[in-house]
Amino acid sequence: MDKTKPVEIFSGTHWETTMVVSLLENEKIEAFLIDNIMGSLNPWHTSPGATNPVKVMVSSLDVERAVKVVKVYRENSQDND
């Protein structure tokens, strides 16, 4: 029996989460979004204060590799601020 489960590794706006999913897929890590539509239309329904309403999920088997990808994304996005 497969005991993997989805794990949230990132949350943000629709644009940010879509970018992270693309980066994960480039590294051959399957990922999916939660609250993509509701988080975009009514973010206050999916997160307190309507901040970071969309979540990126990966398999528990891929968390370590996915966290590295997210770390690089965050470092690069801070450099552009």
PDB file of N, CA and C in Angstrom:
ATOM      1  N   MET A   1       0.837  -1.188   0.000  1.00  0.00           N
ATOM      2  CA  MET A   1       0.000   0.000   0.000  1.00  0.00           C
ATOM      3  C   MET A   1       0.879   1.248   0.000  1.00  0.00           C
ATOM      4  N   ASP A   2       0.508   2.199  -0.842  1.00  0.00           N
ATOM      5  CA  ASP A   2       1.250   3.450  -0.980  1.00  0.00           C
ATOM      6  C   ASP A   2       0.874   4.384   0.172  1.00  0.00           C
ATOM      7  N   LYS A   3       1.869   4.837   0.936  1.00  0.00           N
ATOM      8  CA  LYS A   3       1.585   5.698   2.093  1.00  0.00           C
ATOM      9  C   LYS A   3       2.015   7.139   1.858  1.00  0.00           C
ATOM     10  N   THR A   4       2.090   7.543   0.600  1.00  0.00           N
ATOM     11  CA  THR A   4       2.430   8.932   0.323  1.00  0.00           C
ATOM     12  C   THR A   4       1.216   9.802   0.557  1.00  0.00           C
ATOM     13  N   LYS A   5       1.471  11.051   0.859  1.00  0.00           N
ATOM     14  CA  LYS A   5       0.376  11.996   1.053  1.00  0.00           C
ATOM     15  C   LYS A   5       0.810  13.349   0.514  1.00  0.00           C
ATOM     16  N   PRO A   6      -0.134  14.185   0.140  1.00  0.00           N
ATOM     17  CA  PRO A   6       0.226  15.514  -0.351  1.00  0.00           C
ATOM     18  C   PRO A   6       0.697  16.409   0.796  1.00  0.00           C
ATOM     19  N   VAL A   7       1.703  17.219   0.500  1.00  0.00           N
ATOM     20  CA  VAL A   7       2.284  18.124   1.490  1.00  0.00           C
ATOM     21  C   VAL A   7       2.352  19.518   0.879  1.00  0.00           C
ATOM     22  N   GLU A   8       1.918  20.522   1.636  1.00  0.00           N
ATOM     23  CA  GLU A   8       2.020  21.913   1.167  1.00  0.00           C
ATOM     24  C   GLU A   8       3.469  22.367   1.300  1.00  0.00           C
ATOM     25  N   ILE A   9       4.017  22.893   0.199  1.00  0.00           N
ATOM     26  CA  ILE A   9       5.402  23.372   0.258  1.00  0.00           C
ATOM     27  C   ILE A   9       5.520  24.867  -0.034  1.00  0.00           C
ATOM     28  N   PHE A  10       4.435  25.477  -0.505  1.00  0.00           N
ATOM     29  CA  PHE A  10       4.497  26.904  -0.833  1.00  0.00           C
ATOM     30  C   PHE A  10       3.070  27.436  -0.889  1.00  0.00           C
ATOM     31  N   SER A  11       2.893  28.685  -0.523  1.00  0.00           N
ATOM     32  CA  SER A  11       1.613  29.367  -0.727  1.00  0.00           C
ATOM     33  C   SER A  11       1.893  30.780  -1.200  1.00  0.00           C
ATOM     34  N   GLY A  12       1.017  31.292  -2.014  1.00  0.00           N
ATOM     35  CA  GLY A  12       1.215  32.629  -2.558  1.00  0.00           C
ATOM     36  C   GLY A  12       0.044  33.019  -3.439  1.00  0.00           C
ATOM     37  N   THR A  13       0.282  33.982  -4.294  1.00  0.00           N
ATOM     38  CA  THR A  13      -0.742  34.421  -5.245  1.00  0.00           C
ATOM     39  C   THR A  13      -0.847  33.401  -6.371  1.00  0.00           C
ATOM     40  N   HIS A  14      -1.844  33.557  -7.200  1.00  0.00           N
ATOM     41  CA  HIS A  14      -2.005  32.658  -8.346  1.00  0.00           C
ATOM     42  C   HIS A  14      -0.745  32.681  -9.213  1.00  0.00           C
ATOM     43  N   TRP A  15      -0.251  33.859  -9.506  1.00  0.00           N
ATOM     44  CA  TRP A  15       0.933  33.997 -10.358  1.00  0.00           C
ATOM     45  C   TRP A  15       2.141  33.304  -9.733  1.00  0.00           C
ATOM     46  N   GLU A  16       2.402  33.547  -8.462  1.00  0.00           N
ATOM     47  CA  GLU A  16       3.566  32.949  -7.791  1.00  0.00           C
ATOM     48  C   GLU A  16       3.486  31.418  -7.761  1.00  0.00           C
ATOM     49  N   THR A  17       2.312  30.909  -7.413  1.00  0.00           N
ATOM     50  CA  THR A  17       2.179  29.461  -7.291  1.00  0.00           C
ATOM     51  C   THR A  17       2.285  28.775  -8.647  1.00  0.00           C
ATOM     52  N   THR A  18       1.763  29.407  -9.689  1.00  0.00           N
ATOM     53  CA  THR A  18       1.893  28.841 -11.028  1.00  0.00           C
ATOM     54  C   THR A  18       3.357  28.792 -11.445  1.00  0.00           C
ATOM     55  N   MET A  19       4.114  29.808 -11.104  1.00  0.00           N
ATOM     56  CA  MET A  19       5.543  29.836 -11.403  1.00  0.00           C
ATOM     57  C   MET A  19       6.262  28.710 -10.650  1.00  0.00           C
ATOM     58  N   VAL A  20       5.950  28.527  -9.384  1.00  0.00           N
ATOM     59  CA  VAL A  20       6.594  27.476  -8.586  1.00  0.00           C
ATOM     60  C   VAL A  20       6.255  26.096  -9.145  1.00  0.00           C
ATOM     61  N   VAL A  21       5.010  25.865  -9.523  1.00  0.00           N
ATOM     62  CA  VAL A  21       4.634  24.577 -10.110  1.00  0.00           C
ATOM     63  C   VAL A  21       5.437  24.331 -11.392  1.00  0.00           C
ATOM     64  N   SER A  22       5.597  25.345 -12.207  1.00  0.00           N
ATOM     65  CA  SER A  22       6.383  25.206 -13.431  1.00  0.00           C
ATOM     66  C   SER A  22       7.835  24.844 -13.127  1.00  0.00           C
ATOM     67  N   LEU A  23       8.418  25.497 -12.134  1.00  0.00           N
ATOM     68  CA  LEU A  23       9.802  25.189 -11.750  1.00  0.00           C
ATOM     69  C   LEU A  23       9.914  23.762 -11.214  1.00  0.00           C
ATOM     70  N   LEU A  24       8.942  23.329 -10.436  1.00  0.00           N
ATOM     71  CA  LEU A  24       8.948  21.964  -9.905  1.00  0.00           C
ATOM     72  C   LEU A  24       8.834  20.955 -11.044  1.00  0.00           C
ATOM     73  N   GLU A  25       7.951  21.212 -11.980  1.00  0.00           N
ATOM     74  CA  GLU A  25       7.785  20.293 -13.109  1.00  0.00           C
ATOM     75  C   GLU A  25       9.044  20.222 -13.954  1.00  0.00           C
ATOM     76  N   ASN A  26       9.780  21.330 -14.061  1.00  0.00           N
ATOM     77  CA  ASN A  26      11.065  21.317 -14.772  1.00  0.00           C
ATOM     78  C   ASN A  26      12.055  20.367 -14.113  1.00  0.00           C
ATOM     79  N   GLU A  27      11.898  20.169 -12.802  1.00  0.00           N
ATOM     80  CA  GLU A  27      12.767  19.260 -12.046  1.00  0.00           C
ATOM     81  C   GLU A  27      12.153  17.861 -11.919  1.00  0.00           C
ATOM     82  N   LYS A  28      11.107  17.614 -12.712  1.00  0.00           N
ATOM     83  CA  LYS A  28      10.428  16.300 -12.719  1.00  0.00           C
ATOM     84  C   LYS A  28       9.757  15.977 -11.383  1.00  0.00           C
ATOM     85  N   ILE A  29       9.247  17.012 -10.719  1.00  0.00           N
ATOM     86  CA  ILE A  29       8.501  16.854  -9.473  1.00  0.00           C
ATOM     87  C   ILE A  29       7.043  17.194  -9.772  1.00  0.00           C
ATOM     88  N   GLU A  30       6.163  16.229  -9.569  1.00  0.00           N
ATOM     89  CA  GLU A  30       4.745  16.486  -9.798  1.00  0.00           C
ATOM     90  C   GLU A  30       4.195  17.379  -8.689  1.00  0.00           C
ATOM     91  N   ALA A  31       3.410  18.371  -9.088  1.00  0.00           N
ATOM     92  CA  ALA A  31       2.841  19.315  -8.127  1.00  0.00           C
ATOM     93  C   ALA A  31       1.453  19.716  -8.605  1.00  0.00           C
ATOM     94  N   PHE A  32       0.629  20.161  -7.653  1.00  0.00           N
ATOM     95  CA  PHE A  32      -0.687  20.667  -8.017  1.00  0.00           C
ATOM     96  C   PHE A  32      -1.067  21.790  -7.058  1.00  0.00           C
ATOM     97  N   LEU A  33      -2.061  22.575  -7.486  1.00  0.00           N
ATOM     98  CA  LEU A  33      -2.517  23.728  -6.711  1.00  0.00           C
ATOM     99  C   LEU A  33      -3.799  23.401  -5.963  1.00  0.00           C
ATOM    100  N   ILE A  34      -3.934  23.989  -4.799  1.00  0.00           N
ATOM    101  CA  ILE A  34      -5.177  23.928  -4.025  1.00  0.00           C
ATOM    102  C   ILE A  34      -5.695  25.357  -3.883  1.00  0.00           C
ATOM    103  N   ASP A  35      -6.985  25.514  -3.990  1.00  0.00           N
ATOM    104  CA  ASP A  35      -7.658  26.813  -3.857  1.00  0.00           C
ATOM    105  C   ASP A  35      -7.256  27.786  -4.964  1.00  0.00           C
ATOM    106  N   ASN A  36      -6.903  27.252  -6.130  1.00  0.00           N
ATOM    107  CA  ASN A  36      -6.486  28.110  -7.230  1.00  0.00           C
ATOM    108  C   ASN A  36      -7.591  29.066  -7.669  1.00  0.00           C
ATOM    109  N   ILE A  37      -8.778  28.548  -7.900  1.00  0.00           N
ATOM    110  CA  ILE A  37      -9.866  29.406  -8.376  1.00  0.00           C
ATOM    111  C   ILE A  37     -10.429  30.254  -7.243  1.00  0.00           C
ATOM    112  N   MET A  38     -10.794  29.622  -6.142  1.00  0.00           N
ATOM    113  CA  MET A  38     -11.373  30.365  -5.019  1.00  0.00           C
ATOM    114  C   MET A  38     -10.354  31.343  -4.438  1.00  0.00           C
ATOM    115  N   GLY A  39      -9.091  30.950  -4.398  1.00  0.00           N
ATOM    116  CA  GLY A  39      -8.053  31.839  -3.883  1.00  0.00           C
ATOM    117  C   GLY A  39      -7.841  33.066  -4.746  1.00  0.00           C
ATOM    118  N   SER A  40      -8.163  32.939  -6.039  1.00  0.00           N
ATOM    119  CA  SER A  40      -8.031  34.078  -6.950  1.00  0.00           C
ATOM    120  C   SER A  40      -9.269  34.970  -6.912  1.00  0.00           C
ATOM    121  N   LEU A  41     -10.447  34.346  -6.854  1.00  0.00           N
ATOM    122  CA  LEU A  41     -11.693  35.112  -6.879  1.00  0.00           C
ATOM    123  C   LEU A  41     -12.070  35.689  -5.516  1.00  0.00           C
ATOM    124  N   ASN A  42     -11.913  34.887  -4.469  1.00  0.00           N
ATOM    125  CA  ASN A  42     -12.289  35.284  -3.110  1.00  0.00           C
ATOM    126  C   ASN A  42     -11.204  34.852  -2.127  1.00  0.00           C
ATOM    127  N   PRO A  43     -10.058  35.480  -2.151  1.00  0.00           N
ATOM    128  CA  PRO A  43      -8.945  35.014  -1.322  1.00  0.00           C
ATOM    129  C   PRO A  43      -9.232  35.010   0.175  1.00  0.00           C
ATOM    130  N   TRP A  44     -10.119  35.870   0.635  1.00  0.00           N
ATOM    131  CA  TRP A  44     -10.444  35.917   2.067  1.00  0.00           C
ATOM    132  C   TRP A  44     -11.207  34.671   2.516  1.00  0.00           C
ATOM    133  N   HIS A  45     -11.704  33.866   1.577  1.00  0.00           N
ATOM    134  CA  HIS A  45     -12.380  32.608   1.918  1.00  0.00           C
ATOM    135  C   HIS A  45     -11.393  31.462   2.114  1.00  0.00           C
ATOM    136  N   THR A  46     -10.167  31.602   1.610  1.00  0.00           N
ATOM    137  CA  THR A  46      -9.212  30.496   1.673  1.00  0.00           C
ATOM    138  C   THR A  46      -8.056  30.728   2.628  1.00  0.00           C
ATOM    139  N   SER A  47      -7.839  31.987   3.030  1.00  0.00           N
ATOM    140  CA  SER A  47      -6.742  32.248   3.969  1.00  0.00           C
ATOM    141  C   SER A  47      -7.047  33.484   4.798  1.00  0.00           C
ATOM    142  N   PRO A  48      -6.595  33.491   6.050  1.00  0.00           N
ATOM    143  CA  PRO A  48      -6.810  34.655   6.908  1.00  0.00           C
ATOM    144  C   PRO A  48      -6.153  35.900   6.316  1.00  0.00           C
ATOM    145  N   GLY A  49      -6.878  36.957   6.261  1.00  0.00           N
ATOM    146  CA  GLY A  49      -6.334  38.206   5.737  1.00  0.00           C
ATOM    147  C   GLY A  49      -6.134  38.205   4.239  1.00  0.00           C
ATOM    148  N   ALA A  50      -6.577  37.162   3.579  1.00  0.00           N
ATOM    149  CA  ALA A  50      -6.485  37.037   2.120  1.00  0.00           C
ATOM    150  C   ALA A  50      -5.042  37.066   1.612  1.00  0.00           C
ATOM    151  N   THR A  51      -4.095  36.644   2.446  1.00  0.00           N
ATOM    152  CA  THR A  51      -2.697  36.602   2.008  1.00  0.00           C
ATOM    153  C   THR A  51      -2.308  35.176   1.642  1.00  0.00           C
ATOM    154  N   ASN A  52      -1.570  35.038   0.569  1.00  0.00           N
ATOM    155  CA  ASN A  52      -1.099  33.738   0.080  1.00  0.00           C
ATOM    156  C   ASN A  52      -2.225  32.708   0.008  1.00  0.00           C
ATOM    157  N   PRO A  53      -3.264  32.988  -0.788  1.00  0.00           N
ATOM    158  CA  PRO A  53      -4.449  32.135  -0.777  1.00  0.00           C
ATOM    159  C   PRO A  53      -4.336  30.818  -1.557  1.00  0.00           C
ATOM    160  N   VAL A  54      -3.342  30.695  -2.439  1.00  0.00           N
ATOM    161  CA  VAL A  54      -3.222  29.490  -3.263  1.00  0.00           C
ATOM    162  C   VAL A  54      -2.036  28.671  -2.754  1.00  0.00           C
ATOM    163  N   LYS A  55      -2.216  27.352  -2.687  1.00  0.00           N
ATOM    164  CA  LYS A  55      -1.181  26.484  -2.116  1.00  0.00           C
ATOM    165  C   LYS A  55      -0.643  25.510  -3.149  1.00  0.00           C
ATOM    166  N   VAL A  56       0.680  25.252  -3.084  1.00  0.00           N
ATOM    167  CA  VAL A  56       1.329  24.266  -3.944  1.00  0.00           C
ATOM    168  C   VAL A  56       1.553  22.998  -3.127  1.00  0.00           C
ATOM    169  N   MET A  57       1.106  21.877  -3.686  1.00  0.00           N
ATOM    170  CA  MET A  57       1.208  20.589  -3.007  1.00  0.00           C
ATOM    171  C   MET A  57       2.102  19.647  -3.815  1.00  0.00           C
ATOM    172  N   VAL A  58       2.896  18.838  -3.111  1.00  0.00           N
ATOM    173  CA  VAL A  58       3.711  17.795  -3.735  1.00  0.00           C
ATOM    174  C   VAL A  58       3.567  16.517  -2.912  1.00  0.00           C
ATOM    175  N   SER A  59       4.038  15.422  -3.470  1.00  0.00           N
ATOM    176  CA  SER A  59       4.034  14.155  -2.756  1.00  0.00           C
ATOM    177  C   SER A  59       5.011  14.222  -1.588  1.00  0.00           C
ATOM    178  N   SER A  60       4.672  13.527  -0.525  1.00  0.00           N
ATOM    179  CA  SER A  60       5.575  13.481   0.638  1.00  0.00           C
ATOM    180  C   SER A  60       6.931  12.885   0.263  1.00  0.00           C
ATOM    181  N   LEU A  61       6.986  12.111  -0.807  1.00  0.00           N
ATOM    182  CA  LEU A  61       8.258  11.534  -1.264  1.00  0.00           C
ATOM    183  C   LEU A  61       9.164  12.571  -1.925  1.00  0.00           C
ATOM    184  N   ASP A  62       8.579  13.682  -2.387  1.00  0.00           N
ATOM    185  CA  ASP A  62       9.339  14.702  -3.127  1.00  0.00           C
ATOM    186  C   ASP A  62       9.609  15.965  -2.324  1.00  0.00           C
ATOM    187  N   VAL A  63       9.234  15.984  -1.057  1.00  0.00           N
ATOM    188  CA  VAL A  63       9.324  17.215  -0.266  1.00  0.00           C
ATOM    189  C   VAL A  63      10.746  17.771  -0.229  1.00  0.00           C
ATOM    190  N   GLU A  64      11.720  16.945   0.031  1.00  0.00           N
ATOM    191  CA  GLU A  64      13.097  17.438   0.166  1.00  0.00           C
ATOM    192  C   GLU A  64      13.575  18.128  -1.111  1.00  0.00           C
ATOM    193  N   ARG A  65      13.348  17.504  -2.260  1.00  0.00           N
ATOM    194  CA  ARG A  65      13.756  18.124  -3.529  1.00  0.00           C
ATOM    195  C   ARG A  65      12.937  19.375  -3.819  1.00  0.00           C
ATOM    196  N   ALA A  66      11.640  19.332  -3.511  1.00  0.00           N
ATOM    197  CA  ALA A  66      10.764  20.468  -3.787  1.00  0.00           C
ATOM    198  C   ALA A  66      11.137  21.685  -2.941  1.00  0.00           C
ATOM    199  N   VAL A  67      11.499  21.456  -1.698  1.00  0.00           N
ATOM    200  CA  VAL A  67      11.884  22.561  -0.816  1.00  0.00           C
ATOM    201  C   VAL A  67      13.109  23.286  -1.376  1.00  0.00           C
ATOM    202  N   LYS A  68      14.027  22.548  -1.968  1.00  0.00           N
ATOM    203  CA  LYS A  68      15.214  23.170  -2.579  1.00  0.00           C
ATOM    204  C   LYS A  68      14.824  24.070  -3.747  1.00  0.00           C
ATOM    205  N   VAL A  69      13.880  23.613  -4.559  1.00  0.00           N
ATOM    206  CA  VAL A  69      13.410  24.422  -5.691  1.00  0.00           C
ATOM    207  C   VAL A  69      12.738  25.691  -5.193  1.00  0.00           C
ATOM    208  N   VAL A  70      11.898  25.564  -4.170  1.00  0.00           N
ATOM    209  CA  VAL A  70      11.206  26.731  -3.608  1.00  0.00           C
ATOM    210  C   VAL A  70      12.213  27.704  -3.001  1.00  0.00           C
ATOM    211  N   LYS A  71      13.233  27.197  -2.350  1.00  0.00           N
ATOM    212  CA  LYS A  71      14.261  28.059  -1.757  1.00  0.00           C
ATOM    213  C   LYS A  71      14.952  28.891  -2.835  1.00  0.00           C
ATOM    214  N   VAL A  72      15.311  28.272  -3.941  1.00  0.00           N
ATOM    215  CA  VAL A  72      15.948  29.003  -5.048  1.00  0.00           C
ATOM    216  C   VAL A  72      14.991  30.042  -5.610  1.00  0.00           C
ATOM    217  N   TYR A  73      13.717  29.671  -5.764  1.00  0.00           N
ATOM    218  CA  TYR A  73      12.719  30.630  -6.256  1.00  0.00           C
ATOM    219  C   TYR A  73      12.642  31.845  -5.335  1.00  0.00           C
ATOM    220  N   ARG A  74      12.565  31.601  -4.032  1.00  0.00           N
ATOM    221  CA  ARG A  74      12.461  32.719  -3.072  1.00  0.00           C
ATOM    222  C   ARG A  74      13.708  33.598  -3.112  1.00  0.00           C
ATOM    223  N   GLU A  75      14.877  32.987  -3.180  1.00  0.00           N
ATOM    224  CA  GLU A  75      16.124  33.760  -3.244  1.00  0.00           C
ATOM    225  C   GLU A  75      16.146  34.638  -4.489  1.00  0.00           C
ATOM    226  N   ASN A  76      15.748  34.071  -5.619  1.00  0.00           N
ATOM    227  CA  ASN A  76      15.759  34.836  -6.877  1.00  0.00           C
ATOM    228  C   ASN A  76      14.688  35.912  -6.901  1.00  0.00           C
ATOM    229  N   SER A  77      13.526  35.651  -6.316  1.00  0.00           N
ATOM    230  CA  SER A  77      12.469  36.660  -6.319  1.00  0.00           C
ATOM    231  C   SER A  77      12.809  37.814  -5.376  1.00  0.00           C
ATOM    232  N   GLN A  78      13.557  37.552  -4.305  1.00  0.00           N
ATOM    233  CA  GLN A  78      13.982  38.622  -3.400  1.00  0.00           C
ATOM    234  C   GLN A  78      15.040  39.500  -4.064  1.00  0.00           C
ATOM    235  N   ASP A  79      15.881  38.904  -4.897  1.00  0.00           N
ATOM    236  CA  ASP A  79      16.892  39.681  -5.603  1.00  0.00           C
ATOM    237  C   ASP A  79      16.279  40.696  -6.551  1.00  0.00           C
ATOM    238  N   ASN A  80      15.061  40.423  -7.027  1.00  0.00           N
ATOM    239  CA  ASN A  80      14.406  41.306  -7.992  1.00  0.00           C
ATOM    240  C   ASN A  80      13.535  42.359  -7.334  1.00  0.00           C
ATOM    241  N   ASP A  81      13.397  42.329  -6.014  1.00  0.00           N
ATOM    242  CA  ASP A  81      12.553  43.319  -5.329  1.00  0.00           C
ATOM    243  C   ASP A  81      13.267  44.628  -5.149  1.00  0.00           C
TER     244      ASP A  81
END
